[in-house]
Protein backbone atom coordinates (compact mmCIF):
# COMPACT_ATOMS: atom_id res chain seq x y z
CA MET A 1 -2.15 26.23 45.26
CA LYS A 2 0.48 24.50 43.18
CA PRO A 3 2.52 26.90 41.14
CA THR A 4 1.96 24.59 38.21
CA ASP A 5 -1.82 24.83 38.49
CA LEU A 6 -2.78 26.81 35.39
CA ARG A 7 -6.30 27.58 36.62
CA GLY A 8 -4.76 29.25 39.73
CA ILE A 9 -2.29 31.27 37.61
CA LEU A 10 -4.83 32.33 35.09
CA GLN A 11 -6.75 34.55 37.44
CA TYR A 12 -3.63 36.80 37.94
CA ILE A 13 -2.62 37.09 34.26
CA PRO A 14 -4.88 40.02 33.32
CA ARG A 15 -3.54 41.97 36.32
CA PHE A 16 0.09 41.32 35.62
CA ARG A 17 0.33 41.32 31.86
CA GLU A 18 2.71 43.86 30.50
CA LYS A 19 3.41 45.02 34.10
CA ILE A 20 6.95 45.31 35.47
CA PHE A 21 8.40 43.15 38.32
CA ILE A 22 11.82 44.03 39.80
CA LEU A 23 13.67 41.04 41.17
CA SER A 24 16.49 41.71 43.60
CA ILE A 25 18.57 38.69 44.03
CA ASP A 26 21.24 38.28 46.71
CA GLY A 27 24.59 37.08 45.50
CA ALA A 28 24.49 33.98 47.68
CA ILE A 29 21.31 32.91 45.86
CA VAL A 30 22.86 33.12 42.35
CA THR A 31 25.36 30.53 43.46
CA ASP A 32 22.85 28.32 45.21
CA GLU A 33 21.70 25.09 43.50
CA ASN A 34 18.07 26.29 43.46
CA PHE A 35 18.99 29.25 41.23
CA ALA A 36 18.37 27.12 38.18
CA ASN A 37 14.73 26.75 39.36
CA ILE A 38 14.48 30.59 39.84
CA LEU A 39 15.54 31.03 36.26
CA LEU A 40 12.75 28.71 35.13
CA ASP A 41 10.26 30.68 37.24
CA ILE A 42 11.55 33.90 35.49
CA ALA A 43 10.98 32.15 32.13
CA VAL A 44 7.34 31.46 33.14
CA LEU A 45 6.79 35.08 34.13
CA ARG A 46 8.20 36.20 30.73
CA SER A 47 6.01 33.76 28.94
CA LEU A 48 3.03 35.38 30.43
CA ASN A 49 4.18 38.77 29.11
CA ILE A 50 5.29 40.04 32.57
CA ARG A 51 8.24 42.43 32.11
CA VAL A 52 11.15 41.48 34.49
CA ALA A 53 14.23 43.44 35.42
CA LEU A 54 16.98 41.76 37.66
CA VAL A 55 19.12 43.52 40.20
CA HIS A 56 21.73 41.49 42.05
CA GLY A 57 23.95 41.73 44.96
CA ALA A 58 27.53 40.52 45.47
CA SER A 59 28.38 40.47 49.22
CA ALA A 60 28.74 36.70 49.41
CA GLN A 61 31.25 36.88 46.51
CA ILE A 62 33.12 39.79 48.04
CA LYS A 63 33.47 37.82 51.24
CA ALA A 64 34.64 34.70 49.45
CA LEU A 65 37.13 36.68 47.25
CA ALA A 66 38.47 38.47 50.35
CA GLU A 67 39.11 35.13 52.19
CA GLU A 68 40.77 33.76 49.05
CA LEU A 69 43.05 36.66 48.75
CA LYS A 70 43.48 37.12 52.55
CA LEU A 71 42.06 40.62 52.51
CA LYS A 72 39.76 42.29 54.86
CA PRO A 73 36.94 44.12 53.05
CA THR A 74 35.82 47.44 54.63
CA ASP A 75 32.22 46.69 53.86
CA LEU A 76 30.08 43.85 52.67
CA ASP A 77 26.56 45.20 51.89
CA GLY A 78 27.42 48.36 49.96
CA ALA A 79 26.19 50.71 52.74
CA GLY A 80 29.41 51.31 54.67
CA VAL A 81 32.91 52.42 53.64
CA THR A 82 34.32 51.01 50.38
CA ASP A 83 38.01 51.45 49.92
CA ALA A 84 40.07 50.90 46.77
CA ASP A 85 40.70 47.17 47.60
CA THR A 86 37.02 46.53 48.50
CA LEU A 87 35.92 48.22 45.23
CA LYS A 88 38.22 45.81 43.27
CA LEU A 89 36.57 42.81 45.02
CA ALA A 90 33.20 44.24 44.40
CA LEU A 91 33.99 44.69 40.62
CA THR A 92 35.34 41.18 40.30
CA GLY A 93 32.52 39.60 42.32
CA ALA A 94 29.75 41.52 40.51
CA ASN A 95 31.14 40.72 37.14
CA ARG A 96 31.22 36.99 38.00
CA ILE A 97 27.52 37.15 39.23
CA THR A 98 26.39 39.10 36.24
CA HIS A 99 27.98 36.55 33.95
CA GLU A 100 26.34 33.63 35.78
CA ILE A 101 23.01 35.30 35.48
CA LEU A 102 23.38 36.05 31.77
CA GLU A 103 24.51 32.43 31.25
CA GLY A 104 21.50 31.06 33.08
CA LEU A 105 19.06 33.26 31.18
CA SER A 106 20.60 32.24 27.94
CA ALA A 107 20.06 28.62 28.92
CA ASN A 108 16.40 29.40 29.28
CA ASP A 109 16.22 31.10 25.91
CA LEU A 110 15.80 34.47 27.41
CA ARG A 111 17.52 37.48 25.92
CA ALA A 112 19.18 39.72 28.54
CA ALA A 113 21.81 42.47 28.75
CA CYS A 114 23.89 43.81 31.50
CA THR A 115 23.43 47.72 31.78
CA ASN A 116 24.99 50.73 33.20
CA ALA A 117 21.62 52.30 33.93
CA VAL A 118 22.55 53.48 37.49
CA ILE A 119 23.97 56.93 37.66
CA ALA A 120 25.57 57.50 41.06
CA HIS A 121 27.53 59.98 43.02
CA PRO A 122 29.70 59.50 46.06
CA MET A 123 27.93 58.95 49.32
CA GLY A 124 30.45 61.41 50.79
CA ILE A 125 31.29 62.23 54.40
CA ILE A 126 28.82 61.06 56.84
CA GLN A 127 29.31 61.95 60.67
CA GLY A 128 32.88 62.60 59.89
CA VAL A 129 33.52 59.43 57.96
CA ASP A 130 34.41 59.50 54.29
CA HIS A 131 32.70 56.58 52.54
CA LEU A 132 35.07 56.75 49.60
CA PHE A 133 33.99 54.54 46.80
CA THR A 134 30.45 53.86 48.22
CA GLY A 135 27.95 55.52 46.02
CA LYS A 136 24.28 56.72 46.22
CA VAL A 137 21.87 56.46 43.30
CA GLU A 138 21.51 59.82 41.72
CA ARG A 139 19.06 58.71 38.92
CA VAL A 140 18.17 55.74 36.82
CA ASP A 141 18.45 55.76 33.00
CA VAL A 142 14.76 54.91 32.52
CA GLU A 143 15.03 55.19 28.62
CA LEU A 144 17.68 52.60 28.46
CA LEU A 145 15.76 50.15 30.68
CA GLN A 146 12.34 50.81 28.94
CA THR A 147 14.00 50.24 25.65
CA LEU A 148 15.28 46.80 26.64
CA LEU A 149 12.04 45.82 28.22
CA ASN A 150 9.96 46.98 25.17
CA GLN A 151 12.23 44.61 23.10
CA GLY A 152 11.65 41.61 25.35
CA ILE A 153 15.21 41.90 26.86
CA VAL A 154 15.77 41.28 30.60
CA PRO A 155 17.93 44.08 32.00
CA VAL A 156 20.58 42.80 34.47
CA VAL A 157 21.68 45.44 36.80
CA PRO A 158 24.83 45.01 39.10
CA PRO A 159 25.25 46.77 42.42
CA LEU A 160 27.41 49.32 40.83
CA GLY A 161 26.85 53.03 39.78
CA PHE A 162 28.66 55.32 37.28
CA ASP A 163 29.26 58.95 37.24
CA GLY A 164 29.75 61.31 34.43
CA ASP A 165 33.51 61.07 34.77
CA GLY A 166 33.61 57.38 34.16
CA LYS A 167 34.13 56.49 37.92
CA THR A 168 32.56 53.44 39.44
CA TYR A 169 30.93 53.37 42.78
CA ARG A 170 29.68 50.41 44.91
CA VAL A 171 25.89 50.82 45.64
CA ASN A 172 23.65 48.82 48.00
CA SER A 173 21.77 46.41 45.81
CA ASP A 174 18.49 46.77 47.89
CA SER A 175 18.66 50.55 47.19
CA VAL A 176 19.34 49.95 43.51
CA ALA A 177 16.28 47.68 43.25
CA LEU A 178 14.13 50.28 45.05
CA GLU A 179 15.22 53.15 42.78
CA ILE A 180 14.71 51.05 39.64
CA ALA A 181 11.26 49.96 40.77
CA LYS A 182 10.38 53.52 41.51
CA ALA A 183 11.65 54.88 38.12
CA LEU A 184 9.95 52.21 36.13
CA GLY A 185 6.64 52.21 37.94
CA ALA A 186 6.93 48.52 38.82
CA ILE A 187 3.99 46.89 40.52
CA LYS A 188 6.11 44.42 42.50
CA LEU A 189 9.47 44.52 44.03
CA ILE A 190 10.69 41.08 45.09
CA TYR A 191 13.68 40.61 47.30
CA ILE A 192 15.07 37.13 46.85
CA THR A 193 17.30 36.28 49.87
CA THR A 194 18.53 33.36 52.07
CA LEU A 195 15.95 33.81 54.77
CA ASP A 196 12.26 32.93 54.73
CA GLY A 197 11.34 36.68 54.82
CA LEU A 198 11.37 39.50 57.31
CA ILE A 199 12.32 38.16 60.75
CA TYR A 200 11.28 40.21 63.77
CA GLN A 201 11.99 39.12 67.32
CA GLY A 202 12.75 35.62 65.87
CA ALA A 203 9.35 35.29 64.21
CA LEU A 204 8.55 35.43 60.49
CA ILE A 205 6.24 38.29 59.40
CA ARG A 206 3.91 36.94 56.82
CA GLN A 207 1.97 40.15 55.73
CA MET A 208 2.08 43.58 57.03
CA LEU A 209 0.77 46.98 56.23
CA VAL A 210 3.61 49.51 55.40
CA GLY A 211 2.64 51.74 58.24
CA GLU A 212 2.84 48.93 60.75
CA LEU A 213 6.36 48.06 59.46
CA ALA A 214 7.40 51.55 59.56
CA GLY A 215 6.22 51.61 63.17
CA LEU A 216 8.32 48.55 64.17
CA LEU A 217 11.42 50.10 62.37
CA ALA A 218 10.90 53.29 64.33
CA GLN A 219 10.44 51.64 67.62
CA ASN A 220 13.34 49.24 67.56
CA LYS A 221 14.86 48.29 64.23
CA ASN A 222 17.41 46.23 66.07
CA LEU A 223 14.76 43.52 66.76
CA PHE A 224 14.95 42.57 63.07
CA ALA A 225 17.42 39.85 62.15
CA PRO A 226 20.56 41.87 61.26
CA GLU A 227 20.94 40.18 57.74
CA ILE A 228 17.35 41.23 56.85
CA LEU A 229 17.29 44.72 58.22
CA SER A 230 18.17 46.37 54.94
CA LYS A 231 15.27 44.56 53.23
CA ALA A 232 12.90 45.81 55.87
CA LEU A 233 14.02 49.43 55.54
CA HIS A 234 13.85 49.28 51.71
CA ALA A 235 10.57 47.58 51.67
CA ALA A 236 9.00 50.34 53.80
CA ALA A 237 10.52 53.03 51.66
CA ALA A 238 9.38 51.32 48.42
CA CYS A 239 5.71 51.16 49.59
CA LYS A 240 5.91 54.78 50.61
CA GLU A 241 7.29 55.69 47.09
CA GLY A 242 4.30 54.12 45.53
CA ILE A 243 5.27 50.51 44.79
CA GLN A 244 2.14 48.57 45.73
CA ARG A 245 3.61 45.38 47.00
CA VAL A 246 7.03 44.29 48.13
CA HIS A 247 7.83 40.68 48.67
CA VAL A 248 10.83 39.10 50.73
CA ILE A 249 11.14 35.40 49.98
CA ASN A 250 13.72 32.50 50.45
CA GLY A 251 15.43 31.84 47.12
CA ARG A 252 16.34 28.32 48.16
CA VAL A 253 12.73 27.21 48.16
CA ASP A 254 11.76 25.32 44.85
CA ASP A 255 8.96 27.00 43.04
CA GLY A 256 9.04 29.79 45.68
CA LEU A 257 8.94 32.71 43.21
CA LEU A 258 5.86 31.40 41.43
CA ALA A 259 4.11 30.42 44.68
CA GLU A 260 4.73 33.94 46.03
CA VAL A 261 3.36 35.66 42.88
CA PHE A 262 0.55 33.34 41.91
CA SER A 263 -1.01 32.27 45.25
CA ASN A 264 -2.84 34.11 47.88
CA GLU A 265 -0.84 32.66 50.74
CA GLY A 266 2.61 33.06 49.30
CA ILE A 267 5.82 31.73 50.99
CA GLY A 268 7.52 34.70 52.51
CA THR A 269 6.74 38.15 53.66
CA LEU A 270 4.34 40.68 51.87
CA ILE A 271 4.49 44.35 52.61
CA TYR A 272 1.67 46.33 51.05
CA ALA A 273 0.61 49.95 50.71
CA ASN A 274 -2.50 51.26 52.46
CA GLU A 275 -4.83 50.85 49.43
CA TYR A 276 -3.83 47.25 48.97
CA GLN A 277 -6.41 45.77 51.32
CA GLN A 278 -10.16 46.58 51.58
CA ILE A 279 -13.42 45.59 52.94
CA ARG A 280 -16.09 45.76 50.32
CA PRO A 281 -19.74 44.70 49.93
CA ALA A 282 -20.05 41.15 48.60
CA LYS A 283 -21.53 40.60 45.10
CA LYS A 284 -23.37 37.71 43.66
CA LYS A 285 -20.19 36.52 41.95
CA ASP A 286 -18.77 36.08 45.45
CA VAL A 287 -21.23 33.47 46.74
CA ARG A 288 -18.98 30.56 45.67
CA ALA A 289 -15.96 32.27 47.22
CA ILE A 290 -17.89 32.67 50.53
CA GLN A 291 -18.91 28.97 50.52
CA LEU A 292 -15.26 27.82 49.74
CA LEU A 293 -13.86 30.29 52.40
CA THR A 294 -16.16 29.00 55.11
CA LYS A 295 -16.29 25.38 54.15
CA LYS A 296 -13.96 24.01 56.82
CA ALA A 297 -15.65 26.12 59.56
CA VAL A 298 -18.96 24.64 58.45
CA GLU A 299 -17.57 21.10 58.51
CA SER A 300 -16.29 21.64 62.08
CA GLU A 301 -19.65 23.13 63.04
CA GLU A 302 -18.04 26.34 63.98
CA LEU A 303 -20.33 28.16 61.46
CA VAL A 304 -23.88 27.24 60.49
CA LYS A 305 -24.28 25.70 57.07
CA ARG A 306 -25.57 28.20 54.48
CA THR A 307 -26.89 27.11 51.06
CA ARG A 308 -25.90 28.92 47.89
CA GLY A 309 -29.53 30.13 47.60
CA GLY A 310 -29.56 31.39 51.09
CA ILE A 311 -26.34 33.32 50.59
CA GLU A 312 -27.66 34.87 47.33
CA LYS A 313 -30.88 35.89 49.00
CA SER A 314 -28.98 37.85 51.68
CA ILE A 315 -25.85 38.75 49.70
CA GLY A 316 -26.51 42.43 50.52
CA ASP A 317 -25.71 41.56 54.16
CA PHE A 318 -22.24 40.20 53.37
CA PHE A 319 -18.90 41.87 53.29
CA ILE A 320 -15.51 40.66 51.95
CA PHE A 321 -12.14 41.38 53.12
CA GLU A 322 -9.69 41.32 50.20
CA ILE A 323 -5.96 41.17 49.78
CA ASP A 324 -4.70 41.30 46.26
CA ARG A 325 -8.32 41.12 45.09
CA ASN A 326 -8.61 37.75 46.71
CA PRO A 327 -11.34 37.15 49.38
CA VAL A 328 -9.48 36.13 52.53
CA ALA A 329 -12.21 36.84 55.19
CA CYS A 330 -15.92 37.58 55.38
CA VAL A 331 -18.59 38.84 57.70
CA ALA A 332 -22.35 39.33 57.46
CA LEU A 333 -24.53 41.97 59.24
CA HIS A 334 -28.24 41.01 59.42
CA ILE A 335 -30.45 43.90 60.38
CA TYR A 336 -33.62 43.64 62.50
CA THR A 337 -35.03 47.15 61.93
CA GLU A 338 -38.05 46.87 64.15
CA GLN A 339 -36.00 46.02 67.27
CA LYS A 340 -33.10 48.28 66.24
CA LYS A 341 -30.75 45.28 66.51
CA GLY A 342 -28.16 43.84 64.17
CA GLU A 343 -26.58 40.44 64.12
CA LEU A 344 -22.91 39.93 63.37
CA ALA A 345 -22.68 36.55 61.53
CA CYS A 346 -20.54 34.42 59.37
CA LEU A 347 -17.27 35.84 60.59
CA TYR A 348 -14.52 33.84 59.22
CA VAL A 349 -10.77 34.44 58.37
CA ASN A 350 -8.79 32.05 56.14
CA PRO A 351 -6.27 30.17 58.38
CA SER A 352 -3.42 31.51 56.11
CA HIS A 353 -4.21 35.03 57.32
CA GLU A 354 -4.96 34.41 61.01
CA ASN A 355 -3.31 36.35 63.75
CA GLN A 356 -3.11 39.55 61.74
CA GLY A 357 -6.12 41.38 63.23
CA ILE A 358 -8.42 40.89 60.22
CA GLY A 359 -11.19 39.41 62.45
CA ARG A 360 -11.07 42.36 64.81
CA LYS A 361 -11.13 44.68 61.86
CA LEU A 362 -14.33 43.00 60.36
CA ILE A 363 -16.01 43.19 63.83
CA GLN A 364 -15.16 46.88 64.02
CA PHE A 365 -16.44 47.43 60.47
CA ALA A 366 -19.70 45.67 61.26
CA GLU A 367 -20.12 47.61 64.45
CA SER A 368 -19.49 51.06 62.57
CA LYS A 369 -22.09 49.98 59.97
CA ALA A 370 -24.61 49.27 62.78
CA ARG A 371 -23.94 52.53 64.40
CA GLU A 372 -24.33 54.35 61.12
CA MET A 373 -27.82 52.67 60.75
CA GLY A 374 -28.91 53.89 64.17
CA LEU A 375 -28.91 50.40 65.67
CA SER A 376 -28.78 50.12 69.48
CA GLU A 377 -27.55 46.68 69.88
CA LEU A 378 -25.20 44.17 68.13
CA LEU A 379 -25.74 40.39 68.57
CA ALA A 380 -23.62 37.35 67.69
CA LEU A 381 -24.23 33.77 68.09
CA SER A 382 -21.35 31.32 68.56
CA THR A 383 -20.73 27.71 69.60
CA GLN A 384 -16.98 27.80 69.66
CA ALA A 385 -15.61 31.30 69.18
CA PHE A 386 -17.60 33.07 71.91
CA THR A 387 -14.41 33.90 73.97
CA TYR A 388 -13.01 35.58 70.88
CA PHE A 389 -16.05 37.86 70.56
CA GLN A 390 -15.79 38.64 74.27
CA SER A 391 -12.09 39.40 74.36
CA LYS A 392 -11.68 41.05 70.95
CA GLY A 393 -15.02 42.53 70.27
CA GLY A 394 -16.36 43.54 73.73
CA PHE A 395 -19.25 41.41 73.69
CA VAL A 396 -20.88 40.06 76.87
CA GLU A 397 -22.97 36.94 77.27
CA GLY A 398 -26.73 37.33 76.96
CA THR A 399 -29.57 35.03 76.68
CA PRO A 400 -31.93 33.81 73.84
CA ASP A 401 -34.44 36.44 75.14
CA ASP A 402 -32.14 39.09 73.65
CA LEU A 403 -32.96 37.79 70.16
CA PRO A 404 -35.68 39.30 68.01
CA PRO A 405 -38.72 37.08 67.82
CA GLY A 406 -38.12 35.76 64.30
CA ARG A 407 -34.43 34.99 65.10
CA ARG A 408 -35.34 33.47 68.41
CA GLU A 409 -37.56 30.95 66.61
CA LYS A 410 -34.72 29.89 64.18
CA TYR A 411 -32.42 29.73 67.13
CA GLU A 412 -34.64 27.17 68.86
CA GLN A 413 -35.19 25.21 65.64
CA SER A 414 -31.49 24.85 64.86
CA GLY A 415 -30.73 22.90 68.09
CA ARG A 416 -27.15 24.28 68.00
CA LYS A 417 -27.53 25.92 71.47
CA SER A 418 -25.22 28.61 70.52
CA LYS A 419 -24.14 31.16 73.17
CA VAL A 420 -25.95 34.51 72.63
CA LEU A 421 -23.47 37.48 72.79
CA VAL A 422 -24.55 41.12 73.12
CA LYS A 423 -22.86 44.39 72.65
CA LYS A 424 -24.76 47.69 73.54
CA LEU A 425 -24.09 50.47 70.90
CA ARG A 426 -23.93 53.94 72.42
């Protein structure tokens, strides 16, 4: 979908209107030439009555300032030790970035305000090491942020926290974004960074359930790219705290923000909470979606052609796999009551969501439904994907004699010569 395609965008507007998005932008992205396009994307979000709060980092600026002044900062990402010199660099770098963001928002006719909404306390001594001026978020001034959002003002929050004595602490911006998203009840937390998304063992994770991400982090978090590990940790924590969706995208991609928000495929990594995906019975309104979803498979003769009327007639047999309320896969379970057999049919996963185990989940779902109905055997017919059914679904090759009489007749009339696959249900 093109981000400028209004028809594509319109389907999302009722879901997102008056909802809150938190954008966490790395300092390196603010100084990138594509930041002007990100600001335009933010203007589009605001024009659709989506409330936006910005959090920014400053590690790139601290590094540049340190090189310029020939200093060696004790920490770059706000999670290690921050000494007095590093805090000064952080203040200077953060102020520069805040100013650039406010300038850019003004150029796009958006009202904005820098806030002191993060109340922090010292991180303290951890494993014998005093973290000095590194802080931890104690609470968020929700009233201040909500007042700004209600007035159509974009809050801009630096990676700094303040205590009741007027002291300033450097705070990790990923953590700040998480705490603000949690406090405001945001429906999306979007980390805009310099990488394409979460990189694990050198490969990009496109979409992942939070439980699976937590498992990878527990097993060996060092297999994540070092510069993206903080995003992975905070994405997992955010979903566990009730934020439905966390995105990690490359801020150097033109139209990337809109493509991530307003398309089913996105451009980066999506981490989602358990309730975010579901398999549900298809409805009559899904007929067109099923036809569009399976169109390429029908053209390549991987799936048999089904007319709109045919799908409508058997719509009760179809199930849809949704992500963000968008159909990304489907399956049908046709029942032959007399023979106590079921046929798993029309299994298809959108190519943009392949290799994520969705097909296997649909097979398992159909098998569970068949067992619940007391069926003794599950059938599948395939011309091209029979090895998939054998390796992933546990089917074995049968013969046309395994088909119920009425289905056998249709099989012979079709001339497709599909392989007949069988799975006994015990």
